């Protein structure tokens, strides 16, 4: 979200692993996601800093969960965003029902331990040994982790564009 004009109707899934300013307006106008005709979204990844007051973090978690629920009611599939700081991992699951099986996170090749923890969370919530989980970016290390665990890996948009010679 925020990297291309949303007039293009060919993008099936949007994620929000970008700077928060690029998607802050989604809270005020979630219908923009309906207008772009996507079929699925990853919940908005509002940044939750370790030093952030819990009350403010709960507000941001509420926003992403409200948007997710509204989009589901409009027929759009939703991937639960697991990329939050360790302090908020359990709070991040508020409103996610047991058995839910669509998760996403942002990968970092220097944080495979974090991916391991997020995979364990997805397993616990979904009740599946091999949950439906998407990892966005993270380079070779994250891609290898995904292959090893049967996860979906998506290369970072800007890196893919650079490799295609579009940048």
Protein backbone atom coordinates (compact mmCIF):
# COMPACT_ATOMS: atom_id res chain seq x y z
CA UNK A 1 0.00 0.00 0.00
CA UNK A 2 1.33 3.42 -0.84
CA UNK A 3 3.90 2.32 -3.43
CA UNK A 4 1.63 2.40 -6.50
CA UNK A 5 -1.43 4.34 -7.54
CA UNK A 6 -4.54 2.51 -6.42
CA UNK A 7 -6.27 3.10 -9.72
CA UNK A 8 -4.70 -0.18 -10.83
CA UNK A 9 -7.27 -2.91 -10.36
CA UNK A 10 -4.79 -5.76 -10.88
CA UNK A 11 -3.43 -5.99 -7.33
CA UNK A 12 -5.16 -8.83 -5.50
CA UNK A 13 -3.59 -8.41 -2.05
CA UNK A 14 -2.39 -5.33 -0.20
CA UNK A 15 -0.14 -5.24 2.83
CA UNK A 16 0.83 -2.35 5.07
CA UNK A 17 4.46 -3.10 5.87
CA UNK A 18 5.37 0.48 5.01
CA UNK A 19 5.76 3.70 6.98
CA UNK A 20 2.57 4.37 8.93
CA UNK A 21 1.94 7.71 7.23
CA UNK A 22 1.23 5.82 3.98
CA UNK A 23 -1.87 4.18 5.41
CA UNK A 24 -3.04 6.32 8.35
CA UNK A 25 -5.98 7.47 6.24
CA UNK A 26 -7.32 3.90 6.03
CA UNK A 27 -8.80 4.34 9.51
CA UNK A 28 -10.80 7.35 8.30
CA UNK A 29 -11.62 5.91 4.87
CA UNK A 30 -11.46 2.10 4.84
CA UNK A 31 -13.70 2.18 1.77
CA UNK A 32 -10.55 3.02 -0.21
CA UNK A 33 -9.65 -0.65 0.08
CA UNK A 34 -13.03 -1.61 -1.38
CA UNK A 35 -12.62 0.87 -4.24
CA UNK A 36 -9.28 -0.62 -5.31
CA UNK A 37 -11.02 -4.01 -5.77
CA UNK A 38 -8.43 -6.08 -3.92
CA UNK A 39 -9.49 -9.55 -2.76
CA UNK A 40 -7.35 -9.77 0.38
CA UNK A 41 -5.41 -7.55 2.77
CA UNK A 42 -2.94 -7.95 5.57
CA UNK A 43 -4.15 -5.95 8.56
CA UNK A 44 -2.63 -2.48 8.78
CA UNK A 45 0.66 -2.74 10.64
CA UNK A 46 0.41 0.25 12.96
CA UNK A 47 3.82 0.58 14.59
CA UNK A 48 3.84 -0.44 18.25
CA UNK A 49 7.02 0.74 19.93
CA UNK A 50 8.32 -0.86 23.13
CA UNK A 51 8.16 2.44 25.01
CA UNK A 52 4.62 3.20 23.86
CA UNK A 53 1.99 3.38 26.62
CA UNK A 54 -0.20 0.28 26.65
CA UNK A 55 -3.38 2.37 26.36
CA UNK A 56 -2.13 3.89 23.09
CA UNK A 57 -1.02 0.50 21.79
CA UNK A 58 -4.49 -0.89 22.53
CA UNK A 59 -5.98 1.95 20.51
CA UNK A 60 -3.82 1.04 17.51
CA UNK A 61 -4.61 -2.66 17.91
CA UNK A 62 -8.30 -1.80 18.05
CA UNK A 63 -7.99 0.23 14.84
CA UNK A 64 -6.38 -2.56 12.85
CA UNK A 65 -8.81 -5.18 14.18
CA UNK A 66 -11.84 -2.95 13.47
CA UNK A 67 -10.64 -2.33 9.91
CA UNK A 68 -10.04 -6.06 9.46
CA UNK A 69 -13.51 -6.98 10.68
CA UNK A 70 -15.17 -4.34 8.51
CA UNK A 71 -13.30 -5.59 5.44
CA UNK A 72 -14.34 -9.17 6.19
CA UNK A 73 -17.96 -8.02 6.30
CA UNK A 74 -17.39 -6.50 2.84
CA UNK A 75 -16.12 -9.84 1.52
CA UNK A 76 -12.38 -9.16 1.61
CA UNK A 77 -10.12 -11.84 3.06
CA UNK A 78 -7.90 -10.74 5.94
CA UNK A 79 -4.46 -11.94 7.02
CA UNK A 80 -3.73 -11.27 10.70
CA UNK A 81 -0.61 -9.14 11.10
CA UNK A 82 1.84 -10.71 13.56
CA UNK A 83 4.64 -8.12 13.22
CA UNK A 84 4.49 -6.34 16.56
CA UNK A 85 7.09 -5.85 19.25
CA UNK A 86 7.46 -8.64 21.77
CA UNK A 87 5.77 -6.57 24.49
CA UNK A 88 2.49 -6.60 22.52
CA UNK A 89 2.44 -10.13 21.03
CA UNK A 90 -0.35 -11.47 23.24
CA UNK A 91 -2.42 -8.27 23.10
CA UNK A 92 -2.08 -8.42 19.32
CA UNK A 93 -4.22 -11.56 19.34
CA UNK A 94 -7.25 -9.88 20.94
CA UNK A 95 -10.23 -10.54 18.70
CA UNK A 96 -8.53 -13.29 16.67
CA UNK A 97 -10.61 -16.45 17.13
CA UNK A 98 -9.04 -19.81 17.84
CA UNK A 99 -8.79 -21.73 14.59
CA UNK A 100 -8.17 -18.66 12.43
CA UNK A 101 -5.63 -19.58 9.79
CA UNK A 102 -4.33 -16.63 7.77
CA UNK A 103 -1.28 -14.82 9.16
CA UNK A 104 1.34 -12.43 7.82
CA UNK A 105 4.54 -10.86 9.03
CA UNK A 106 7.45 -8.80 7.81
CA UNK A 107 10.62 -10.85 7.49
CA UNK A 108 14.14 -9.76 8.36
CA UNK A 109 17.12 -11.97 7.56
CA UNK A 110 18.79 -10.93 10.82
CA UNK A 111 15.73 -11.88 12.89
CA UNK A 112 14.95 -15.50 12.11
CA UNK A 113 14.26 -16.02 15.83
CA UNK A 114 11.38 -13.54 15.49
CA UNK A 115 9.98 -15.48 12.53
CA UNK A 116 10.21 -18.67 14.58
CA UNK A 117 8.21 -17.07 17.40
CA UNK A 118 5.59 -15.72 14.98
CA UNK A 119 5.28 -19.16 13.36
CA UNK A 120 4.69 -20.68 16.80
CA UNK A 121 1.96 -18.10 17.47
CA UNK A 122 0.30 -18.94 14.13
CA UNK A 123 0.46 -22.66 14.95
CA UNK A 124 -1.06 -22.10 18.39
CA UNK A 125 -3.93 -19.91 17.15
CA UNK A 126 -4.72 -21.95 14.03
CA UNK A 127 -4.30 -25.33 15.67
CA UNK A 128 -2.37 -26.41 12.56
CA UNK A 129 1.17 -27.77 12.33
CA UNK A 130 1.52 -25.92 9.02
CA UNK A 131 -0.47 -22.69 9.26
CA UNK A 132 -1.28 -20.44 6.33
CA UNK A 133 1.39 -17.79 6.83
CA UNK A 134 2.89 -15.16 4.55
CA UNK A 135 6.32 -13.62 5.11
CA UNK A 136 6.98 -10.39 3.27
CA UNK A 137 10.64 -9.72 2.53
CA UNK A 138 13.67 -10.58 4.57
CA UNK A 139 15.99 -11.79 1.86
CA UNK A 140 17.69 -15.15 1.56
CA UNK A 141 17.47 -16.07 5.25
CA UNK A 142 13.74 -15.45 5.47
CA UNK A 143 13.14 -17.19 2.13
CA UNK A 144 15.02 -20.28 3.31
CA UNK A 145 13.04 -20.25 6.57
CA UNK A 146 9.80 -20.16 4.58
CA UNK A 147 10.87 -23.02 2.32
CA UNK A 148 11.87 -25.12 5.34
CA UNK A 149 8.52 -24.55 7.09
CA UNK A 150 6.15 -24.51 4.11
CA UNK A 151 5.32 -20.80 4.41
CA UNK A 152 4.53 -18.32 1.65
CA UNK A 153 7.40 -15.96 0.87
CA UNK A 154 6.93 -12.70 -1.00
CA UNK A 155 9.91 -10.63 -2.06
CA UNK A 156 9.92 -6.97 -1.08
CA UNK A 157 8.18 -4.90 -3.71
CA UNK A 158 10.96 -2.37 -4.19
CA UNK A 159 13.66 -5.05 -4.42
CA UNK A 160 11.63 -6.94 -7.01
CA UNK A 161 11.16 -3.72 -9.02
CA UNK A 162 14.90 -3.01 -8.84
CA UNK A 163 15.73 -6.52 -10.04
CA UNK A 164 13.28 -6.13 -12.94
CA UNK A 165 15.12 -2.94 -13.93
CA UNK A 166 12.13 -0.72 -13.20
CA UNK A 167 14.01 1.46 -10.72
